[in-house]
Amino acid sequence: MGNSSAKLTEPKAIADFLHEASIRLGIPRDRLTTAVRASQALSKDELEVMTSLVDFAQTGAPLKKRSAVSRGLVSAIKTMRESTDDPFTGVDDPMDAAEAAEEVARAESEIQAHREAFLKECISAAEAAEVAGRSRQALERLRRANRLLALRAGNQWRYPRWQFERDAPGGILPGLENVLSHLHLSPPGAAFWLFRPNDQLGGSPPIELLRRHRPEPVIQLAWEYSLMP
């Protein structure tokens, strides 16, 4: 591992890695470059801000609201670079730094509330194995492969009850594994996506179509979501 890490610090190695990762993940190279730069240059506190913004997006906050938060942060940072007096003088964007911080704090509160609601729908690994008719090891493999939702609670994994269907093949809602493999969201974020009404599905939430054993449109939608910048 030491040699691999050292090699990634070389410009050509980084360029080759980003090129291959961009192809494999279907993510624009400039976004991956920014992510690598962030991991190398940002402090722990700054990375926590980035994590909060990502989690904020995954709660399903409207794009307009997310954009306002981002513009406020960018504008505040720009003003701080240009001024040694009042860092927030002249911030004309819809949201200043204080408002942006308040929005991030509110987003964190929403994320925690979403997590707690998510946990209420969960059952233990042993109960999940019994409902699905599969071993706990099999469910663990699916969870690790991002094909089954689970949330850590203490030292245990908890599984949402609604993703299992005893009479379905493998005991899991048909199509769910494929959907989750495309989404690449946190478990609460994926649950929010599944239960949120979607105009592309005639106003129905994706979970409803899965329950009706109509997974194809949902799988297609999840695949399209994975391609979004």
C-alpha atoms as a PDB file:
ATOM      1  CA  MET A   1       0.000   0.000   0.000  1.00  0.00           C
ATOM      2  CA  GLY A   2       2.872   2.367   0.757  1.00  0.00           C
ATOM      3  CA  ASN A   3       4.228   2.080  -2.791  1.00  0.00           C
ATOM      4  CA  SER A   4       0.787   2.584  -4.349  1.00  0.00           C
ATOM      5  CA  SER A   5       0.169   5.731  -2.326  1.00  0.00           C
ATOM      6  CA  ALA A   6       3.545   7.114  -3.304  1.00  0.00           C
ATOM      7  CA  LYS A   7       2.904   6.537  -6.971  1.00  0.00           C
ATOM      8  CA  LEU A   8      -0.385   8.446  -6.844  1.00  0.00           C
ATOM      9  CA  THR A   9       1.540  11.580  -5.906  1.00  0.00           C
ATOM     10  CA  GLU A  10       3.255  11.560  -9.318  1.00  0.00           C
ATOM     11  CA  PRO A  11       1.491  13.758 -11.903  1.00  0.00           C
ATOM     12  CA  LYS A  12       1.414  11.106 -14.647  1.00  0.00           C
ATOM     13  CA  ALA A  13       0.177   8.426 -12.286  1.00  0.00           C
ATOM     14  CA  ILE A  14      -2.594  10.735 -11.105  1.00  0.00           C
ATOM     15  CA  ALA A  15      -3.514  11.570 -14.687  1.00  0.00           C
ATOM     16  CA  ASP A  16      -3.678   7.868 -15.622  1.00  0.00           C
ATOM     17  CA  PHE A  17      -5.720   7.065 -12.510  1.00  0.00           C
ATOM     18  CA  LEU A  18      -8.209   9.870 -13.197  1.00  0.00           C
ATOM     19  CA  HIS A  19      -8.551   8.831 -16.827  1.00  0.00           C
ATOM     20  CA  GLU A  20      -9.345   5.208 -15.917  1.00  0.00           C
ATOM     21  CA  ALA A  21     -11.626   6.166 -12.998  1.00  0.00           C
ATOM     22  CA  SER A  22     -13.551   8.591 -15.207  1.00  0.00           C
ATOM     23  CA  ILE A  23     -14.233   5.838 -17.733  1.00  0.00           C
ATOM     24  CA  ARG A  24     -15.123   3.198 -15.154  1.00  0.00           C
ATOM     25  CA  LEU A  25     -17.369   5.423 -13.018  1.00  0.00           C
ATOM     26  CA  GLY A  26     -18.871   7.530 -15.794  1.00  0.00           C
ATOM     27  CA  ILE A  27     -17.938  10.725 -13.922  1.00  0.00           C
ATOM     28  CA  PRO A  28     -16.449  13.733 -15.756  1.00  0.00           C
ATOM     29  CA  ARG A  29     -12.720  13.905 -15.265  1.00  0.00           C
ATOM     30  CA  ASP A  30     -12.755  17.516 -14.061  1.00  0.00           C
ATOM     31  CA  ARG A  31     -15.051  16.520 -11.161  1.00  0.00           C
ATOM     32  CA  LEU A  32     -12.728  13.676 -10.173  1.00  0.00           C
ATOM     33  CA  THR A  33      -9.756  16.058 -10.386  1.00  0.00           C
ATOM     34  CA  THR A  34     -11.512  18.446  -8.019  1.00  0.00           C
ATOM     35  CA  ALA A  35     -12.246  15.574  -5.610  1.00  0.00           C
ATOM     36  CA  VAL A  36      -8.575  14.518  -5.574  1.00  0.00           C
ATOM     37  CA  ARG A  37      -7.428  18.104  -5.032  1.00  0.00           C
ATOM     38  CA  ALA A  38      -9.908  18.436  -2.175  1.00  0.00           C
ATOM     39  CA  SER A  39      -8.671  15.267  -0.464  1.00  0.00           C
ATOM     40  CA  GLN A  40      -5.089  16.536  -0.640  1.00  0.00           C
ATOM     41  CA  ALA A  41      -5.575  20.196   0.261  1.00  0.00           C
ATOM     42  CA  LEU A  42      -8.566  20.561   2.582  1.00  0.00           C
ATOM     43  CA  SER A  43      -8.516  20.400   6.353  1.00  0.00           C
ATOM     44  CA  LYS A  44     -10.727  18.017   8.325  1.00  0.00           C
ATOM     45  CA  ASP A  45     -13.203  20.834   9.047  1.00  0.00           C
ATOM     46  CA  GLU A  46     -13.357  21.797   5.375  1.00  0.00           C
ATOM     47  CA  LEU A  47     -13.969  18.194   4.353  1.00  0.00           C
ATOM     48  CA  GLU A  48     -16.800  18.037   6.893  1.00  0.00           C
ATOM     49  CA  VAL A  49     -18.391  21.024   5.138  1.00  0.00           C
ATOM     50  CA  MET A  50     -18.152  19.156   1.827  1.00  0.00           C
ATOM     51  CA  THR A  51     -19.682  16.056   3.414  1.00  0.00           C
ATOM     52  CA  SER A  52     -22.534  18.148   4.806  1.00  0.00           C
ATOM     53  CA  LEU A  53     -23.206  19.599   1.360  1.00  0.00           C
ATOM     54  CA  VAL A  54     -23.270  16.125  -0.214  1.00  0.00           C
ATOM     55  CA  ASP A  55     -25.605  14.830   2.481  1.00  0.00           C
ATOM     56  CA  PHE A  56     -27.734  17.960   2.011  1.00  0.00           C
ATOM     57  CA  ALA A  57     -28.120  17.104  -1.683  1.00  0.00           C
ATOM     58  CA  GLN A  58     -29.011  13.498  -0.877  1.00  0.00           C
ATOM     59  CA  THR A  59     -31.887  14.548   1.385  1.00  0.00           C
ATOM     60  CA  GLY A  60     -33.619  15.754  -1.756  1.00  0.00           C
ATOM     61  CA  ALA A  61     -33.334  19.477  -1.001  1.00  0.00           C
ATOM     62  CA  PRO A  62     -34.477  21.539  -4.013  1.00  0.00           C
ATOM     63  CA  LEU A  63     -31.737  22.482  -6.465  1.00  0.00           C
ATOM     64  CA  LYS A  64     -32.529  26.195  -6.038  1.00  0.00           C
ATOM     65  CA  LYS A  65     -31.984  25.963  -2.292  1.00  0.00           C
ATOM     66  CA  ARG A  66     -28.757  23.978  -2.693  1.00  0.00           C
ATOM     67  CA  SER A  67     -27.477  26.469  -5.265  1.00  0.00           C
ATOM     68  CA  ALA A  68     -28.162  29.370  -2.902  1.00  0.00           C
ATOM     69  CA  VAL A  69     -26.126  27.656  -0.159  1.00  0.00           C
ATOM     70  CA  SER A  70     -23.253  27.022  -2.570  1.00  0.00           C
ATOM     71  CA  ARG A  71     -23.284  30.561  -3.959  1.00  0.00           C
ATOM     72  CA  GLY A  72     -23.245  31.992  -0.447  1.00  0.00           C
ATOM     73  CA  LEU A  73     -20.206  29.929   0.540  1.00  0.00           C
ATOM     74  CA  VAL A  74     -18.309  30.661  -2.683  1.00  0.00           C
ATOM     75  CA  SER A  75     -19.029  34.372  -2.455  1.00  0.00           C
ATOM     76  CA  ALA A  76     -17.986  34.533   1.213  1.00  0.00           C
ATOM     77  CA  ILE A  77     -14.697  32.734   0.462  1.00  0.00           C
ATOM     78  CA  LYS A  78     -14.009  35.039  -2.474  1.00  0.00           C
ATOM     79  CA  THR A  79     -14.679  38.122  -0.350  1.00  0.00           C
ATOM     80  CA  MET A  80     -12.412  36.843   2.437  1.00  0.00           C
ATOM     81  CA  ARG A  81      -9.564  36.466  -0.072  1.00  0.00           C
ATOM     82  CA  GLU A  82     -10.040  40.000  -1.374  1.00  0.00           C
ATOM     83  CA  SER A  83     -10.526  41.826   1.927  1.00  0.00           C
ATOM     84  CA  THR A  84      -8.568  41.934   5.178  1.00  0.00           C
ATOM     85  CA  ASP A  85     -11.186  44.086   6.924  1.00  0.00           C
ATOM     86  CA  ASP A  86     -14.768  42.873   6.940  1.00  0.00           C
ATOM     87  CA  PRO A  87     -14.720  39.507   5.088  1.00  0.00           C
ATOM     88  CA  PHE A  88     -18.451  39.670   4.354  1.00  0.00           C
ATOM     89  CA  THR A  89     -18.662  43.233   3.035  1.00  0.00           C
ATOM     90  CA  GLY A  90     -20.184  43.366  -0.412  1.00  0.00           C
ATOM     91  CA  VAL A  91     -21.630  39.884  -0.452  1.00  0.00           C
ATOM     92  CA  ASP A  92     -24.558  40.419  -2.781  1.00  0.00           C
ATOM     93  CA  ASP A  93     -25.543  36.864  -3.523  1.00  0.00           C
ATOM     94  CA  PRO A  94     -28.861  35.488  -2.213  1.00  0.00           C
ATOM     95  CA  MET A  95     -27.200  33.989   0.869  1.00  0.00           C
ATOM     96  CA  ASP A  96     -24.257  35.230   2.930  1.00  0.00           C
ATOM     97  CA  ALA A  97     -21.856  33.071   4.926  1.00  0.00           C
ATOM     98  CA  ALA A  98     -23.907  33.173   8.128  1.00  0.00           C
ATOM     99  CA  GLU A  99     -27.062  32.190   6.258  1.00  0.00           C
ATOM    100  CA  ALA A 100     -25.161  29.468   4.437  1.00  0.00           C
ATOM    101  CA  ALA A 101     -23.872  28.093   7.738  1.00  0.00           C
ATOM    102  CA  GLU A 102     -27.414  28.178   9.099  1.00  0.00           C
ATOM    103  CA  GLU A 103     -28.668  26.267   6.062  1.00  0.00           C
ATOM    104  CA  VAL A 104     -25.939  23.646   6.463  1.00  0.00           C
ATOM    105  CA  ALA A 105     -26.840  23.268  10.157  1.00  0.00           C
ATOM    106  CA  ARG A 106     -30.501  22.932   9.217  1.00  0.00           C
ATOM    107  CA  ALA A 107     -29.552  20.350   6.584  1.00  0.00           C
ATOM    108  CA  GLU A 108     -27.635  18.347   9.193  1.00  0.00           C
ATOM    109  CA  SER A 109     -30.720  18.422  11.426  1.00  0.00           C
ATOM    110  CA  GLU A 110     -32.857  17.188   8.519  1.00  0.00           C
ATOM    111  CA  ILE A 111     -30.351  14.433   7.785  1.00  0.00           C
ATOM    112  CA  GLN A 112     -30.466  13.270  11.409  1.00  0.00           C
ATOM    113  CA  ALA A 113     -34.269  13.305  11.403  1.00  0.00           C
ATOM    114  CA  HIS A 114     -34.255  11.337   8.142  1.00  0.00           C
ATOM    115  CA  ARG A 115     -31.840   8.815   9.668  1.00  0.00           C
ATOM    116  CA  GLU A 116     -34.060   8.349  12.731  1.00  0.00           C
ATOM    117  CA  ALA A 117     -37.140   7.860  10.546  1.00  0.00           C
ATOM    118  CA  PHE A 118     -35.167   5.389   8.448  1.00  0.00           C
ATOM    119  CA  LEU A 119     -34.182   3.381  11.530  1.00  0.00           C
ATOM    120  CA  LYS A 120     -37.806   3.067  12.648  1.00  0.00           C
ATOM    121  CA  GLU A 121     -38.485   1.061   9.479  1.00  0.00           C
ATOM    122  CA  CYS A 122     -35.566  -1.286  10.113  1.00  0.00           C
ATOM    123  CA  ILE A 123     -35.243  -4.779  11.525  1.00  0.00           C
ATOM    124  CA  SER A 124     -32.219  -6.696  12.779  1.00  0.00           C
ATOM    125  CA  ALA A 125     -29.990  -8.773  10.523  1.00  0.00           C
ATOM    126  CA  ALA A 126     -31.418 -11.966  12.049  1.00  0.00           C
ATOM    127  CA  GLU A 127     -34.991 -10.822  11.388  1.00  0.00           C
ATOM    128  CA  ALA A 128     -34.084  -9.753   7.861  1.00  0.00           C
ATOM    129  CA  ALA A 129     -32.538 -13.151   7.140  1.00  0.00           C
ATOM    130  CA  GLU A 130     -35.694 -14.867   8.373  1.00  0.00           C
ATOM    131  CA  VAL A 131     -38.006 -12.665   6.281  1.00  0.00           C
ATOM    132  CA  ALA A 132     -35.881 -13.059   3.147  1.00  0.00           C
ATOM    133  CA  GLY A 133     -35.280 -16.750   3.677  1.00  0.00           C
ATOM    134  CA  ARG A 134     -31.547 -16.258   3.240  1.00  0.00           C
ATOM    135  CA  SER A 135     -28.497 -16.417   5.450  1.00  0.00           C
ATOM    136  CA  ARG A 136     -27.161 -13.389   7.262  1.00  0.00           C
ATOM    137  CA  GLN A 137     -23.916 -13.868   5.330  1.00  0.00           C
ATOM    138  CA  ALA A 138     -25.786 -13.606   2.019  1.00  0.00           C
ATOM    139  CA  LEU A 139     -27.443 -10.358   3.116  1.00  0.00           C
ATOM    140  CA  GLU A 140     -24.104  -9.005   4.276  1.00  0.00           C
ATOM    141  CA  ARG A 141     -22.586  -9.704   0.848  1.00  0.00           C
ATOM    142  CA  LEU A 142     -25.432  -7.831  -0.829  1.00  0.00           C
ATOM    143  CA  ARG A 143     -25.057  -4.921   1.568  1.00  0.00           C
ATOM    144  CA  ARG A 144     -21.327  -4.686   0.863  1.00  0.00           C
ATOM    145  CA  ALA A 145     -22.037  -4.742  -2.876  1.00  0.00           C
ATOM    146  CA  ASN A 146     -24.472  -1.817  -2.500  1.00  0.00           C
ATOM    147  CA  ARG A 147     -27.400  -4.010  -3.561  1.00  0.00           C
ATOM    148  CA  LEU A 148     -29.252  -3.948  -0.233  1.00  0.00           C
ATOM    149  CA  LEU A 149     -29.893  -1.110   2.212  1.00  0.00           C
ATOM    150  CA  ALA A 150     -28.728  -1.203   5.812  1.00  0.00           C
ATOM    151  CA  LEU A 151     -27.857   1.378   8.421  1.00  0.00           C
ATOM    152  CA  ARG A 152     -25.359   1.051  11.225  1.00  0.00           C
ATOM    153  CA  ALA A 153     -26.888   1.359  14.698  1.00  0.00           C
ATOM    154  CA  GLY A 154     -24.297   0.873  17.417  1.00  0.00           C
ATOM    155  CA  ASN A 155     -22.451  -2.307  16.522  1.00  0.00           C
ATOM    156  CA  GLN A 156     -25.271  -3.781  14.435  1.00  0.00           C
ATOM    157  CA  TRP A 157     -26.608  -3.424  10.919  1.00  0.00           C
ATOM    158  CA  ARG A 158     -30.323  -2.701  10.599  1.00  0.00           C
ATOM    159  CA  TYR A 159     -32.252  -3.451   7.391  1.00  0.00           C
ATOM    160  CA  PRO A 160     -35.437  -1.675   6.188  1.00  0.00           C
ATOM    161  CA  ARG A 161     -38.314  -4.150   6.351  1.00  0.00           C
ATOM    162  CA  TRP A 162     -39.929  -2.809   3.168  1.00  0.00           C
ATOM    163  CA  GLN A 163     -37.128  -3.998   0.892  1.00  0.00           C
ATOM    164  CA  PHE A 164     -37.937  -7.653   1.548  1.00  0.00           C
ATOM    165  CA  GLU A 165     -40.674  -9.749  -0.039  1.00  0.00           C
ATOM    166  CA  ARG A 166     -40.876 -13.290   1.247  1.00  0.00           C
ATOM    167  CA  ASP A 167     -42.300 -14.813  -1.960  1.00  0.00           C
ATOM    168  CA  ALA A 168     -39.994 -12.970  -4.354  1.00  0.00           C
ATOM    169  CA  PRO A 169     -36.875 -14.658  -5.768  1.00  0.00           C
ATOM    170  CA  GLY A 170     -34.179 -14.277  -3.143  1.00  0.00           C
ATOM    171  CA  GLY A 171     -36.679 -12.719  -0.760  1.00  0.00           C
ATOM    172  CA  ILE A 172     -35.918  -9.181  -1.979  1.00  0.00           C
ATOM    173  CA  LEU A 173     -38.226  -6.765  -3.785  1.00  0.00           C
ATOM    174  CA  PRO A 174     -37.724  -7.492  -7.508  1.00  0.00           C
ATOM    175  CA  GLY A 175     -35.472  -4.963  -9.204  1.00  0.00           C
ATOM    176  CA  LEU A 176     -34.279  -3.314  -5.992  1.00  0.00           C
ATOM    177  CA  GLU A 177     -30.756  -4.719  -6.204  1.00  0.00           C
ATOM    178  CA  ASN A 178     -30.244  -3.295  -9.688  1.00  0.00           C
ATOM    179  CA  VAL A 179     -31.690   0.074  -8.693  1.00  0.00           C
ATOM    180  CA  LEU A 180     -29.398   0.416  -5.687  1.00  0.00           C
ATOM    181  CA  SER A 181     -26.331  -0.608  -7.685  1.00  0.00           C
ATOM    182  CA  HIS A 182     -26.947   2.387  -9.981  1.00  0.00           C
ATOM    183  CA  LEU A 183     -27.856   5.014  -7.386  1.00  0.00           C
ATOM    184  CA  HIS A 184     -24.597   5.138  -5.386  1.00  0.00           C
ATOM    185  CA  LEU A 185     -26.359   7.038  -2.582  1.00  0.00           C
ATOM    186  CA  SER A 186     -26.108   6.702   1.168  1.00  0.00           C
ATOM    187  CA  PRO A 187     -28.773   4.368   2.623  1.00  0.00           C
ATOM    188  CA  PRO A 188     -30.964   7.282   3.855  1.00  0.00           C
ATOM    189  CA  GLY A 189     -30.438   9.071   0.532  1.00  0.00           C
ATOM    190  CA  ALA A 190     -31.447   5.972  -1.437  1.00  0.00           C
ATOM    191  CA  ALA A 191     -34.518   5.489   0.759  1.00  0.00           C
ATOM    192  CA  PHE A 192     -35.527   9.116   0.184  1.00  0.00           C
ATOM    193  CA  TRP A 193     -35.104   8.654  -3.582  1.00  0.00           C
ATOM    194  CA  LEU A 194     -37.214   5.492  -3.554  1.00  0.00           C
ATOM    195  CA  PHE A 195     -40.117   7.031  -1.621  1.00  0.00           C
ATOM    196  CA  ARG A 196     -40.185  10.449  -3.256  1.00  0.00           C
ATOM    197  CA  PRO A 197     -42.887  10.924  -5.963  1.00  0.00           C
ATOM    198  CA  ASN A 198     -41.239  11.158  -9.363  1.00  0.00           C
ATOM    199  CA  ASP A 199     -42.703  12.972 -12.372  1.00  0.00           C
ATOM    200  CA  GLN A 200     -40.936  10.589 -14.745  1.00  0.00           C
ATOM    201  CA  LEU A 201     -42.919   7.751 -13.202  1.00  0.00           C
ATOM    202  CA  GLY A 202     -46.262   9.520 -13.518  1.00  0.00           C
ATOM    203  CA  GLY A 203     -45.970  11.031 -10.065  1.00  0.00           C
ATOM    204  CA  SER A 204     -45.520   7.679  -8.331  1.00  0.00           C
ATOM    205  CA  PRO A 205     -42.572   7.036  -6.029  1.00  0.00           C
ATOM    206  CA  PRO A 206     -40.139   4.417  -7.396  1.00  0.00           C
ATOM    207  CA  ILE A 207     -40.894   2.050  -4.511  1.00  0.00           C
ATOM    208  CA  GLU A 208     -44.524   1.753  -5.668  1.00  0.00           C
ATOM    209  CA  LEU A 209     -43.527   0.451  -9.087  1.00  0.00           C
ATOM    210  CA  LEU A 210     -41.154  -2.033  -7.494  1.00  0.00           C
ATOM    211  CA  ARG A 211     -43.974  -3.256  -5.261  1.00  0.00           C
ATOM    212  CA  ARG A 212     -46.155  -3.712  -8.348  1.00  0.00           C
ATOM    213  CA  HIS A 213     -43.378  -5.792  -9.895  1.00  0.00           C
ATOM    214  CA  ARG A 214     -42.696  -3.172 -12.572  1.00  0.00           C
ATOM    215  CA  PRO A 215     -38.978  -2.638 -11.971  1.00  0.00           C
ATOM    216  CA  GLU A 216     -37.852  -1.770 -15.528  1.00  0.00           C
ATOM    217  CA  PRO A 217     -38.809   1.963 -15.472  1.00  0.00           C
ATOM    218  CA  VAL A 218     -37.258   2.364 -12.026  1.00  0.00           C
ATOM    219  CA  ILE A 219     -34.022   0.657 -13.062  1.00  0.00           C
ATOM    220  CA  GLN A 220     -33.849   2.912 -16.131  1.00  0.00           C
ATOM    221  CA  LEU A 221     -34.459   6.001 -14.005  1.00  0.00           C
ATOM    222  CA  ALA A 222     -31.760   4.981 -11.518  1.00  0.00           C
ATOM    223  CA  TRP A 223     -29.333   4.428 -14.385  1.00  0.00           C
ATOM    224  CA  GLU A 224     -30.106   7.904 -15.768  1.00  0.00           C
ATOM    225  CA  TYR A 225     -29.631   9.345 -12.279  1.00  0.00           C
ATOM    226  CA  SER A 226     -26.168   7.752 -12.108  1.00  0.00           C
ATOM    227  CA  LEU A 227     -25.151   9.677 -15.241  1.00  0.00           C
ATOM    228  CA  MET A 228     -26.108  13.082 -13.831  1.00  0.00           C
ATOM    229  CA  PRO A 229     -23.132  15.433 -13.299  1.00  0.00           C
END
